[in-house]
C-alpha atoms as a PDB file:
ATOM      1  CA  MET A   1      28.539 -72.754  -4.703  1.00  0.00           C
ATOM      2  CA  SER A   2      26.497 -75.828  -5.376  1.00  0.00           C
ATOM      3  CA  ASP A   3      26.718 -78.096  -8.403  1.00  0.00           C
ATOM      4  CA  TRP A   4      23.549 -76.771 -10.006  1.00  0.00           C
ATOM      5  CA  PHE A   5      24.745 -73.174  -9.816  1.00  0.00           C
ATOM      6  CA  GLU A   6      28.138 -73.984 -11.321  1.00  0.00           C
ATOM      7  CA  THR A   7      26.388 -75.946 -14.064  1.00  0.00           C
ATOM      8  CA  LEU A   8      24.068 -73.014 -14.751  1.00  0.00           C
ATOM      9  CA  GLU A   9      26.997 -70.587 -14.939  1.00  0.00           C
ATOM     10  CA  ALA A  10      28.903 -72.865 -17.316  1.00  0.00           C
ATOM     11  CA  GLN A  11      25.892 -73.343 -19.590  1.00  0.00           C
ATOM     12  CA  VAL A  12      25.223 -69.590 -19.741  1.00  0.00           C
ATOM     13  CA  LYS A  13      28.884 -68.905 -20.474  1.00  0.00           C
ATOM     14  CA  ALA A  14      28.874 -71.470 -23.309  1.00  0.00           C
ATOM     15  CA  LYS A  15      25.504 -70.385 -24.741  1.00  0.00           C
ATOM     16  CA  SER A  16      23.429 -67.420 -23.547  1.00  0.00           C
ATOM     17  CA  ILE A  17      21.042 -66.700 -20.711  1.00  0.00           C
ATOM     18  CA  SER A  18      18.117 -66.734 -23.150  1.00  0.00           C
ATOM     19  CA  GLN A  19      19.006 -70.121 -24.618  1.00  0.00           C
ATOM     20  CA  VAL A  20      19.607 -71.727 -21.216  1.00  0.00           C
ATOM     21  CA  ALA A  21      16.348 -70.267 -19.905  1.00  0.00           C
ATOM     22  CA  ARG A  22      14.451 -71.841 -22.820  1.00  0.00           C
ATOM     23  CA  GLU A  23      16.194 -75.187 -22.287  1.00  0.00           C
ATOM     24  CA  ILE A  24      15.318 -75.355 -18.578  1.00  0.00           C
ATOM     25  CA  GLY A  25      11.817 -73.916 -19.051  1.00  0.00           C
ATOM     26  CA  TYR A  26      12.264 -70.575 -17.292  1.00  0.00           C
ATOM     27  CA  ALA A  27      12.067 -66.942 -18.333  1.00  0.00           C
ATOM     28  CA  ARG A  28      15.356 -65.177 -19.029  1.00  0.00           C
ATOM     29  CA  PRO A  29      14.864 -62.672 -16.173  1.00  0.00           C
ATOM     30  CA  SER A  30      14.400 -65.535 -13.681  1.00  0.00           C
ATOM     31  CA  VAL A  31      17.671 -67.134 -14.739  1.00  0.00           C
ATOM     32  CA  SER A  32      19.423 -63.759 -14.574  1.00  0.00           C
ATOM     33  CA  LEU A  33      18.104 -63.118 -11.058  1.00  0.00           C
ATOM     34  CA  ALA A  34      19.188 -66.584  -9.918  1.00  0.00           C
ATOM     35  CA  LEU A  35      22.687 -66.077 -11.357  1.00  0.00           C
ATOM     36  CA  ASN A  36      23.018 -62.771  -9.539  1.00  0.00           C
ATOM     37  CA  GLY A  37      21.745 -64.110  -6.216  1.00  0.00           C
ATOM     38  CA  LYS A  38      18.658 -61.892  -6.359  1.00  0.00           C
ATOM     39  CA  TYR A  39      15.937 -64.445  -7.046  1.00  0.00           C
ATOM     40  CA  PRO A  40      13.077 -63.368  -4.725  1.00  0.00           C
ATOM     41  CA  THR A  41      12.180 -66.866  -3.470  1.00  0.00           C
ATOM     42  CA  SER A  42      13.834 -70.257  -3.104  1.00  0.00           C
ATOM     43  CA  THR A  43      15.848 -71.365  -6.128  1.00  0.00           C
ATOM     44  CA  LYS A  44      14.988 -75.026  -5.532  1.00  0.00           C
ATOM     45  CA  LYS A  45      12.796 -75.369  -8.629  1.00  0.00           C
ATOM     46  CA  ILE A  46      15.362 -73.672 -10.851  1.00  0.00           C
ATOM     47  CA  ALA A  47      18.080 -75.886  -9.361  1.00  0.00           C
ATOM     48  CA  ASP A  48      16.001 -78.979 -10.066  1.00  0.00           C
ATOM     49  CA  ALA A  49      15.385 -77.846 -13.662  1.00  0.00           C
ATOM     50  CA  VAL A  50      19.094 -77.208 -14.232  1.00  0.00           C
ATOM     51  CA  LEU A  51      20.075 -80.591 -12.856  1.00  0.00           C
ATOM     52  CA  GLN A  52      17.336 -82.432 -14.763  1.00  0.00           C
ATOM     53  CA  THR A  53      18.361 -80.734 -18.007  1.00  0.00           C
ATOM     54  CA  TYR A  54      22.156 -80.836 -17.829  1.00  0.00           C
ATOM     55  CA  GLN A  55      23.297 -83.382 -15.294  1.00  0.00           C
ATOM     56  CA  THR A  56      24.004 -86.790 -16.796  1.00  0.00           C
ATOM     57  CA  ALA A  57      25.235 -88.570 -13.668  1.00  0.00           C
ATOM     58  CA  ILE A  58      25.121 -88.065  -9.916  1.00  0.00           C
ATOM     59  CA  ALA A  59      27.879 -89.285  -7.633  1.00  0.00           C
ATOM     60  CA  CYS A  60      25.738 -91.072  -5.054  1.00  0.00           C
ATOM     61  CA  PRO A  61      27.348 -90.654  -1.616  1.00  0.00           C
ATOM     62  CA  TYR A  62      25.740 -93.844  -0.332  1.00  0.00           C
ATOM     63  CA  LEU A  63      26.433 -96.175  -3.237  1.00  0.00           C
ATOM     64  CA  LYS A  64      29.857 -94.619  -3.949  1.00  0.00           C
ATOM     65  CA  TYR A  65      29.270 -94.683  -7.715  1.00  0.00           C
ATOM     66  CA  GLU A  66      27.429 -92.614 -10.284  1.00  0.00           C
ATOM     67  CA  ILE A  67      23.743 -93.086 -10.987  1.00  0.00           C
ATOM     68  CA  SER A  68      21.364 -91.317 -13.354  1.00  0.00           C
ATOM     69  CA  PRO A  69      19.317 -88.358 -12.142  1.00  0.00           C
ATOM     70  CA  GLU A  70      16.199 -90.493 -12.677  1.00  0.00           C
ATOM     71  CA  GLU A  71      17.531 -93.272 -10.417  1.00  0.00           C
ATOM     72  CA  CYS A  72      18.440 -90.686  -7.801  1.00  0.00           C
ATOM     73  CA  ALA A  73      14.995 -89.054  -7.944  1.00  0.00           C
ATOM     74  CA  THR A  74      13.301 -92.446  -7.658  1.00  0.00           C
ATOM     75  CA  GLN A  75      15.348 -93.359  -4.600  1.00  0.00           C
ATOM     76  CA  ASN A  76      15.047 -90.026  -2.791  1.00  0.00           C
ATOM     77  CA  SER A  77      11.303 -89.809  -3.355  1.00  0.00           C
ATOM     78  CA  ALA A  78      10.584 -93.361  -2.173  1.00  0.00           C
ATOM     79  CA  HIS A  79       8.670 -94.050   1.024  1.00  0.00           C
ATOM     80  CA  GLN A  80      10.658 -94.895   4.138  1.00  0.00           C
ATOM     81  CA  PRO A  81      11.417 -98.626   4.084  1.00  0.00           C
ATOM     82  CA  THR A  82      10.598-100.539   7.229  1.00  0.00           C
ATOM     83  CA  HIS A  83      11.471-104.064   6.112  1.00  0.00           C
ATOM     84  CA  ASP A  84      15.216-103.839   5.433  1.00  0.00           C
ATOM     85  CA  PRO A  85      17.901-102.163   7.606  1.00  0.00           C
ATOM     86  CA  LEU A  86      20.197-101.574   4.593  1.00  0.00           C
ATOM     87  CA  ALA A  87      17.396 -99.987   2.592  1.00  0.00           C
ATOM     88  CA  LEU A  88      16.608 -97.800   5.602  1.00  0.00           C
ATOM     89  CA  ARG A  89      20.240 -96.634   5.811  1.00  0.00           C
ATOM     90  CA  PHE A  90      20.160 -95.804   2.105  1.00  0.00           C
ATOM     91  CA  TRP A  91      16.884 -93.915   2.543  1.00  0.00           C
ATOM     92  CA  ASN A  92      18.245 -91.986   5.551  1.00  0.00           C
ATOM     93  CA  THR A  93      21.314 -90.955   3.560  1.00  0.00           C
ATOM     94  CA  CYS A  94      19.055 -89.704   0.770  1.00  0.00           C
ATOM     95  CA  GLN A  95      17.101 -87.500   3.155  1.00  0.00           C
ATOM     96  CA  THR A  96      20.144 -85.304   3.827  1.00  0.00           C
ATOM     97  CA  CYS A  97      21.841 -85.620   0.429  1.00  0.00           C
ATOM     98  CA  GLU A  98      22.559 -82.469  -1.572  1.00  0.00           C
ATOM     99  CA  PHE A  99      20.980 -84.108  -4.642  1.00  0.00           C
ATOM    100  CA  ASN A 100      17.647 -84.838  -2.926  1.00  0.00           C
ATOM    101  CA  THR A 101      15.038 -83.067  -5.039  1.00  0.00           C
ATOM    102  CA  LYS A 102      12.473 -83.150  -2.202  1.00  0.00           C
ATOM    103  CA  LYS A 103      14.753 -81.500   0.368  1.00  0.00           C
ATOM    104  CA  LYS A 104      13.503 -78.130   1.553  1.00  0.00           C
ATOM    105  CA  GLY A 105      15.599 -75.075   0.736  1.00  0.00           C
ATOM    106  CA  HIS A 106      17.482 -76.759  -2.118  1.00  0.00           C
ATOM    107  CA  SER A 107      19.182 -73.558  -3.263  1.00  0.00           C
ATOM    108  CA  LYS A 108      22.568 -72.002  -3.891  1.00  0.00           C
END
């Protein structure tokens, strides 16, 4: 299971599916389908909403310390740097990172 899914499960257990759905901006049936592995399409957008709502820090695998979800999103959505080899390595790491919000198929 991925971090977003475990976070979603924990939030639903502590609250309710209806409350969590409201907090992340989804309908209750959508959250229920995602929890049961029956969501008809990619769960990437739900995953992103869960992480944006509940995740306070991301353990960046490149930097080796925690950063905010906003910092992570800024970095992983940046254009490929061509001027700095270190920045390029960082960018390349972001492209395959589990926390990359642009990565295709970001699902459980």
